[in-house]
Amino acid sequence: MNECLLRFALKTDGAVSGLVALLSLLGARDMDRMLGLPAWLHWGQGAFLAVYAAALWYAATRRTVVRRIAVAAVVLNAVWAVGCAALLTADWFAITPLGMCYVGFIGVAVLVFGALQVAGLRRAG
């Protein structure tokens, strides 16, 4: 019962990451044009997120949550948020206004997932 929040946070992060992976892998060229981020970045993101999503789902659906994966998710979400901030502030790509919204939204979302995962880890003990 103490792992409910952690399971929810991991499964939700995994489901959203899986959807973004699918979108990134199948729509990289269109996203390149709309967001101003190169297709290779979307393909890389999609490949990473597909593995990440599977790991989160695995961790959340075991009899006892796999804490190492949950802790790794917190760290990776923090790193992802820093990466989003770097994309928004650096002049690496010609990001469109829609791309800025996309990257900003992703940055906030991963911070929320990370915070939920931290709270879930604390509750689970």
N, C-alpha and C. Protein backbone atom coordinates (compact mmCIF):
# COMPACT_ATOMS: atom_id res chain seq x y z
N MET A 1 0.81 -1.20 0.00
CA MET A 1 0.00 0.00 0.00
C MET A 1 0.86 1.26 0.00
N ASN A 2 1.99 1.24 0.68
CA ASN A 2 2.86 2.40 0.74
C ASN A 2 3.51 2.72 -0.60
N GLU A 3 3.49 1.78 -1.50
CA GLU A 3 4.12 1.98 -2.81
C GLU A 3 3.15 2.52 -3.86
N CYS A 4 1.92 2.81 -3.48
CA CYS A 4 0.90 3.23 -4.46
C CYS A 4 1.31 4.49 -5.22
N LEU A 5 1.75 5.51 -4.50
CA LEU A 5 2.14 6.76 -5.16
C LEU A 5 3.35 6.53 -6.07
N LEU A 6 4.31 5.75 -5.60
CA LEU A 6 5.50 5.48 -6.40
C LEU A 6 5.12 4.71 -7.67
N ARG A 7 4.27 3.70 -7.54
CA ARG A 7 3.82 2.95 -8.72
C ARG A 7 3.10 3.87 -9.70
N PHE A 8 2.21 4.71 -9.17
CA PHE A 8 1.48 5.66 -10.02
C PHE A 8 2.45 6.58 -10.76
N ALA A 9 3.41 7.14 -10.03
CA ALA A 9 4.37 8.07 -10.64
C ALA A 9 5.20 7.39 -11.72
N LEU A 10 5.66 6.19 -11.44
CA LEU A 10 6.47 5.46 -12.42
C LEU A 10 5.66 5.07 -13.64
N LYS A 11 4.45 4.56 -13.41
CA LYS A 11 3.61 4.15 -14.55
C LYS A 11 3.20 5.36 -15.40
N THR A 12 2.86 6.46 -14.76
CA THR A 12 2.46 7.65 -15.51
C THR A 12 3.63 8.20 -16.30
N ASP A 13 4.79 8.30 -15.67
CA ASP A 13 5.99 8.75 -16.37
C ASP A 13 6.30 7.79 -17.52
N GLY A 14 6.18 6.50 -17.27
CA GLY A 14 6.44 5.51 -18.32
C GLY A 14 5.47 5.62 -19.48
N ALA A 15 4.20 5.80 -19.18
CA ALA A 15 3.19 5.91 -20.24
C ALA A 15 3.41 7.17 -21.08
N VAL A 16 3.64 8.29 -20.43
CA VAL A 16 3.86 9.55 -21.16
C VAL A 16 5.16 9.46 -21.95
N SER A 17 6.20 8.91 -21.34
CA SER A 17 7.48 8.75 -22.04
C SER A 17 7.33 7.84 -23.25
N GLY A 18 6.55 6.78 -23.12
CA GLY A 18 6.30 5.88 -24.24
C GLY A 18 5.58 6.59 -25.38
N LEU A 19 4.61 7.42 -25.05
CA LEU A 19 3.89 8.17 -26.09
C LEU A 19 4.81 9.17 -26.78
N VAL A 20 5.63 9.87 -26.00
CA VAL A 20 6.57 10.82 -26.59
C VAL A 20 7.59 10.08 -27.44
N ALA A 21 8.01 8.89 -27.00
CA ALA A 21 8.94 8.08 -27.80
C ALA A 21 8.33 7.75 -29.15
N LEU A 22 7.10 7.30 -29.13
CA LEU A 22 6.41 6.95 -30.37
C LEU A 22 6.28 8.17 -31.29
N LEU A 23 5.85 9.27 -30.73
CA LEU A 23 5.72 10.52 -31.49
C LEU A 23 7.07 10.93 -32.07
N SER A 24 8.11 10.85 -31.26
CA SER A 24 9.44 11.27 -31.70
C SER A 24 9.98 10.37 -32.81
N LEU A 25 9.78 9.08 -32.66
CA LEU A 25 10.32 8.14 -33.66
C LEU A 25 9.56 8.20 -34.98
N LEU A 26 8.24 8.35 -34.90
CA LEU A 26 7.43 8.34 -36.12
C LEU A 26 7.28 9.71 -36.76
N GLY A 27 7.40 10.76 -35.96
CA GLY A 27 7.15 12.10 -36.50
C GLY A 27 8.34 13.03 -36.46
N ALA A 28 9.54 12.48 -36.43
CA ALA A 28 10.75 13.30 -36.26
C ALA A 28 10.88 14.38 -37.33
N ARG A 29 10.63 14.04 -38.56
CA ARG A 29 10.80 15.05 -39.64
C ARG A 29 9.76 16.16 -39.52
N ASP A 30 8.53 15.80 -39.22
CA ASP A 30 7.49 16.82 -39.05
C ASP A 30 7.78 17.68 -37.83
N MET A 31 8.23 17.03 -36.75
CA MET A 31 8.56 17.78 -35.53
C MET A 31 9.74 18.72 -35.78
N ASP A 32 10.68 18.30 -36.62
CA ASP A 32 11.82 19.14 -37.00
C ASP A 32 11.30 20.45 -37.58
N ARG A 33 10.39 20.34 -38.52
CA ARG A 33 9.84 21.54 -39.18
C ARG A 33 9.02 22.40 -38.22
N MET A 34 8.20 21.76 -37.37
CA MET A 34 7.31 22.52 -36.49
C MET A 34 8.03 23.12 -35.29
N LEU A 35 9.01 22.40 -34.76
CA LEU A 35 9.63 22.80 -33.50
C LEU A 35 11.00 23.45 -33.67
N GLY A 36 11.63 23.22 -34.80
CA GLY A 36 12.96 23.77 -35.01
C GLY A 36 14.06 22.96 -34.34
N LEU A 37 13.73 21.75 -33.93
CA LEU A 37 14.72 20.84 -33.35
C LEU A 37 15.00 19.76 -34.38
N PRO A 38 16.28 19.43 -34.64
CA PRO A 38 16.60 18.50 -35.73
C PRO A 38 16.02 17.10 -35.54
N ALA A 39 15.73 16.46 -36.65
CA ALA A 39 15.14 15.12 -36.62
C ALA A 39 16.01 14.14 -35.85
N TRP A 40 17.34 14.25 -35.98
CA TRP A 40 18.22 13.32 -35.27
C TRP A 40 18.04 13.42 -33.76
N LEU A 41 17.72 14.61 -33.27
CA LEU A 41 17.48 14.79 -31.84
C LEU A 41 16.19 14.07 -31.43
N HIS A 42 15.17 14.15 -32.26
CA HIS A 42 13.91 13.45 -31.98
C HIS A 42 14.09 11.93 -32.02
N TRP A 43 14.87 11.45 -33.00
CA TRP A 43 15.11 10.01 -33.08
C TRP A 43 15.88 9.52 -31.85
N GLY A 44 16.88 10.28 -31.45
CA GLY A 44 17.64 9.91 -30.25
C GLY A 44 16.77 9.94 -29.00
N GLN A 45 15.96 10.98 -28.89
CA GLN A 45 15.03 11.09 -27.77
C GLN A 45 14.06 9.92 -27.76
N GLY A 46 13.52 9.60 -28.92
CA GLY A 46 12.56 8.51 -29.03
C GLY A 46 13.16 7.18 -28.63
N ALA A 47 14.37 6.90 -29.10
CA ALA A 47 15.02 5.63 -28.76
C ALA A 47 15.29 5.55 -27.26
N PHE A 48 15.80 6.63 -26.69
CA PHE A 48 16.06 6.64 -25.25
C PHE A 48 14.77 6.46 -24.46
N LEU A 49 13.75 7.22 -24.84
CA LEU A 49 12.49 7.17 -24.08
C LEU A 49 11.79 5.83 -24.20
N ALA A 50 11.96 5.14 -25.31
CA ALA A 50 11.35 3.81 -25.43
C ALA A 50 11.94 2.85 -24.40
N VAL A 51 13.25 2.88 -24.24
CA VAL A 51 13.91 2.03 -23.25
C VAL A 51 13.55 2.49 -21.84
N TYR A 52 13.57 3.80 -21.62
CA TYR A 52 13.24 4.39 -20.32
C TYR A 52 11.82 4.01 -19.90
N ALA A 53 10.88 4.14 -20.82
CA ALA A 53 9.48 3.82 -20.52
C ALA A 53 9.32 2.35 -20.14
N ALA A 54 9.99 1.48 -20.87
CA ALA A 54 9.93 0.04 -20.57
C ALA A 54 10.51 -0.24 -19.18
N ALA A 55 11.61 0.41 -18.85
CA ALA A 55 12.24 0.21 -17.53
C ALA A 55 11.32 0.69 -16.41
N LEU A 56 10.67 1.83 -16.61
CA LEU A 56 9.76 2.34 -15.59
C LEU A 56 8.58 1.41 -15.39
N TRP A 57 8.03 0.95 -16.50
CA TRP A 57 6.88 0.03 -16.40
C TRP A 57 7.29 -1.26 -15.70
N TYR A 58 8.46 -1.76 -16.04
CA TYR A 58 8.98 -2.97 -15.38
C TYR A 58 9.10 -2.72 -13.88
N ALA A 59 9.72 -1.62 -13.51
CA ALA A 59 9.95 -1.32 -12.08
C ALA A 59 8.63 -1.20 -11.32
N ALA A 60 7.64 -0.60 -11.96
CA ALA A 60 6.37 -0.33 -11.29
C ALA A 60 5.47 -1.55 -11.18
N THR A 61 5.68 -2.54 -12.01
CA THR A 61 4.76 -3.68 -12.04
C THR A 61 5.31 -4.93 -11.35
N ARG A 62 6.47 -4.84 -10.76
CA ARG A 62 6.99 -5.97 -9.98
C ARG A 62 6.24 -6.05 -8.66
N ARG A 63 6.32 -7.18 -8.03
CA ARG A 63 5.65 -7.37 -6.73
C ARG A 63 6.08 -6.29 -5.73
N THR A 64 7.37 -6.02 -5.70
CA THR A 64 7.92 -4.90 -4.94
C THR A 64 8.58 -3.98 -5.96
N VAL A 65 8.30 -2.70 -5.88
CA VAL A 65 8.85 -1.74 -6.83
C VAL A 65 10.38 -1.83 -6.82
N VAL A 66 10.97 -1.80 -8.00
CA VAL A 66 12.43 -1.83 -8.12
C VAL A 66 12.95 -0.43 -7.80
N ARG A 67 13.42 -0.28 -6.57
CA ARG A 67 13.82 1.05 -6.08
C ARG A 67 14.98 1.66 -6.86
N ARG A 68 15.92 0.84 -7.30
CA ARG A 68 17.06 1.39 -8.05
C ARG A 68 16.60 2.08 -9.33
N ILE A 69 15.64 1.48 -9.98
CA ILE A 69 15.12 2.11 -11.20
C ILE A 69 14.34 3.37 -10.85
N ALA A 70 13.60 3.36 -9.74
CA ALA A 70 12.87 4.54 -9.32
C ALA A 70 13.82 5.69 -8.99
N VAL A 71 14.90 5.38 -8.30
CA VAL A 71 15.90 6.42 -7.97
C VAL A 71 16.56 6.92 -9.26
N ALA A 72 16.88 6.00 -10.16
CA ALA A 72 17.46 6.41 -11.44
C ALA A 72 16.50 7.32 -12.21
N ALA A 73 15.20 7.04 -12.12
CA ALA A 73 14.20 7.87 -12.80
C ALA A 73 14.22 9.29 -12.25
N VAL A 74 14.35 9.43 -10.94
CA VAL A 74 14.42 10.76 -10.32
C VAL A 74 15.62 11.52 -10.88
N VAL A 75 16.77 10.86 -10.89
CA VAL A 75 17.99 11.50 -11.38
C VAL A 75 17.85 11.86 -12.87
N LEU A 76 17.36 10.92 -13.66
CA LEU A 76 17.21 11.18 -15.09
C LEU A 76 16.20 12.29 -15.36
N ASN A 77 15.14 12.36 -14.59
CA ASN A 77 14.18 13.45 -14.76
C ASN A 77 14.82 14.79 -14.44
N ALA A 78 15.65 14.84 -13.41
CA ALA A 78 16.34 16.09 -13.07
C ALA A 78 17.31 16.49 -14.19
N VAL A 79 18.05 15.51 -14.71
CA VAL A 79 18.98 15.78 -15.80
C VAL A 79 18.23 16.23 -17.05
N TRP A 80 17.08 15.59 -17.32
CA TRP A 80 16.26 15.96 -18.48
C TRP A 80 15.77 17.40 -18.36
N ALA A 81 15.37 17.80 -17.16
CA ALA A 81 14.90 19.17 -16.94
C ALA A 81 16.03 20.17 -17.18
N VAL A 82 17.23 19.84 -16.72
CA VAL A 82 18.39 20.71 -16.97
C VAL A 82 18.66 20.79 -18.47
N GLY A 83 18.54 19.66 -19.16
CA GLY A 83 18.72 19.66 -20.61
C GLY A 83 17.70 20.54 -21.31
N CYS A 84 16.46 20.50 -20.84
CA CYS A 84 15.42 21.36 -21.42
C CYS A 84 15.76 22.83 -21.19
N ALA A 85 16.21 23.16 -19.99
CA ALA A 85 16.60 24.54 -19.69
C ALA A 85 17.76 24.97 -20.59
N ALA A 86 18.71 24.07 -20.81
CA ALA A 86 19.83 24.39 -21.69
C ALA A 86 19.36 24.64 -23.12
N LEU A 87 18.43 23.81 -23.60
CA LEU A 87 17.89 24.02 -24.95
C LEU A 87 17.19 25.37 -25.08
N LEU A 88 16.50 25.76 -24.01
CA LEU A 88 15.76 27.02 -24.06
C LEU A 88 16.67 28.24 -23.97
N THR A 89 17.81 28.10 -23.33
CA THR A 89 18.67 29.27 -23.12
C THR A 89 19.86 29.33 -24.07
N ALA A 90 20.30 28.21 -24.58
CA ALA A 90 21.45 28.20 -25.50
C ALA A 90 20.98 28.51 -26.93
N ASP A 91 21.90 28.84 -27.74
CA ASP A 91 21.59 29.16 -29.13
C ASP A 91 22.07 28.04 -30.05
N TRP A 92 21.72 26.79 -29.70
CA TRP A 92 22.18 25.64 -30.46
C TRP A 92 21.35 25.39 -31.70
N PHE A 93 20.05 25.63 -31.62
CA PHE A 93 19.14 25.35 -32.72
C PHE A 93 18.22 26.55 -32.92
N ALA A 94 17.62 26.63 -34.10
CA ALA A 94 16.65 27.69 -34.39
C ALA A 94 15.27 27.20 -33.94
N ILE A 95 15.06 27.19 -32.65
CA ILE A 95 13.81 26.67 -32.09
C ILE A 95 12.68 27.65 -32.36
N THR A 96 11.57 27.14 -32.85
CA THR A 96 10.40 27.97 -33.12
C THR A 96 9.68 28.29 -31.81
N PRO A 97 8.76 29.25 -31.84
CA PRO A 97 7.97 29.52 -30.62
C PRO A 97 7.22 28.27 -30.13
N LEU A 98 6.68 27.47 -31.05
CA LEU A 98 6.03 26.22 -30.65
C LEU A 98 7.05 25.27 -30.03
N GLY A 99 8.25 25.25 -30.58
CA GLY A 99 9.31 24.42 -30.03
C GLY A 99 9.69 24.85 -28.62
N MET A 100 9.71 26.15 -28.37
CA MET A 100 10.00 26.66 -27.02
C MET A 100 8.92 26.19 -26.05
N CYS A 101 7.67 26.26 -26.46
CA CYS A 101 6.57 25.78 -25.61
C CYS A 101 6.71 24.28 -25.35
N TYR A 102 7.03 23.53 -26.39
CA TYR A 102 7.19 22.07 -26.28
C TYR A 102 8.31 21.73 -25.29
N VAL A 103 9.47 22.33 -25.46
CA VAL A 103 10.61 22.05 -24.59
C VAL A 103 10.30 22.50 -23.16
N GLY A 104 9.68 23.67 -23.02
CA GLY A 104 9.32 24.15 -21.68
C GLY A 104 8.33 23.24 -21.00
N PHE A 105 7.33 22.78 -21.73
CA PHE A 105 6.34 21.87 -21.17
C PHE A 105 6.99 20.56 -20.74
N ILE A 106 7.86 20.02 -21.57
CA ILE A 106 8.56 18.78 -21.23
C ILE A 106 9.40 18.99 -19.97
N GLY A 107 10.09 20.11 -19.89
CA GLY A 107 10.90 20.40 -18.71
C GLY A 107 10.09 20.43 -17.43
N VAL A 108 8.94 21.07 -17.48
CA VAL A 108 8.06 21.12 -16.30
C VAL A 108 7.50 19.73 -16.00
N ALA A 109 7.10 19.01 -17.03
CA ALA A 109 6.53 17.67 -16.83
C ALA A 109 7.52 16.73 -16.15
N VAL A 110 8.77 16.74 -16.58
CA VAL A 110 9.74 15.83 -15.96
C VAL A 110 10.04 16.23 -14.52
N LEU A 111 9.97 17.53 -14.22
CA LEU A 111 10.13 17.96 -12.83
C LEU A 111 8.97 17.45 -11.97
N VAL A 112 7.76 17.50 -12.50
CA VAL A 112 6.59 16.99 -11.77
C VAL A 112 6.71 15.49 -11.56
N PHE A 113 7.09 14.76 -12.60
CA PHE A 113 7.26 13.31 -12.44
C PHE A 113 8.34 13.00 -11.40
N GLY A 114 9.44 13.72 -11.46
CA GLY A 114 10.51 13.52 -10.50
C GLY A 114 10.05 13.80 -9.07
N ALA A 115 9.30 14.87 -8.89
CA ALA A 115 8.79 15.22 -7.55
C ALA A 115 7.84 14.14 -7.04
N LEU A 116 6.97 13.65 -7.90
CA LEU A 116 6.06 12.57 -7.50
C LEU A 116 6.83 11.30 -7.14
N GLN A 117 7.87 11.02 -7.89
CA GLN A 117 8.68 9.84 -7.62
C GLN A 117 9.43 9.98 -6.29
N VAL A 118 9.95 11.17 -6.01
CA VAL A 118 10.62 11.41 -4.73
C VAL A 118 9.61 11.21 -3.59
N ALA A 119 8.42 11.80 -3.73
CA ALA A 119 7.39 11.65 -2.69
C ALA A 119 7.02 10.18 -2.52
N GLY A 120 6.90 9.46 -3.64
CA GLY A 120 6.56 8.04 -3.58
C GLY A 120 7.66 7.22 -2.91
N LEU A 121 8.90 7.54 -3.20
CA LEU A 121 10.03 6.84 -2.56
C LEU A 121 10.03 7.10 -1.05
N ARG A 122 9.77 8.33 -0.66
CA ARG A 122 9.74 8.66 0.76
C ARG A 122 8.60 7.93 1.48
N ARG A 123 7.44 7.92 0.86
CA ARG A 123 6.29 7.22 1.46
C ARG A 123 6.52 5.72 1.59
N ALA A 124 7.17 5.17 0.56
CA ALA A 124 7.42 3.73 0.55
C ALA A 124 8.49 3.32 1.57
N GLY A 125 9.25 4.32 2.00
CA GLY A 125 10.26 4.05 3.05
C GLY A 125 11.54 3.60 2.56
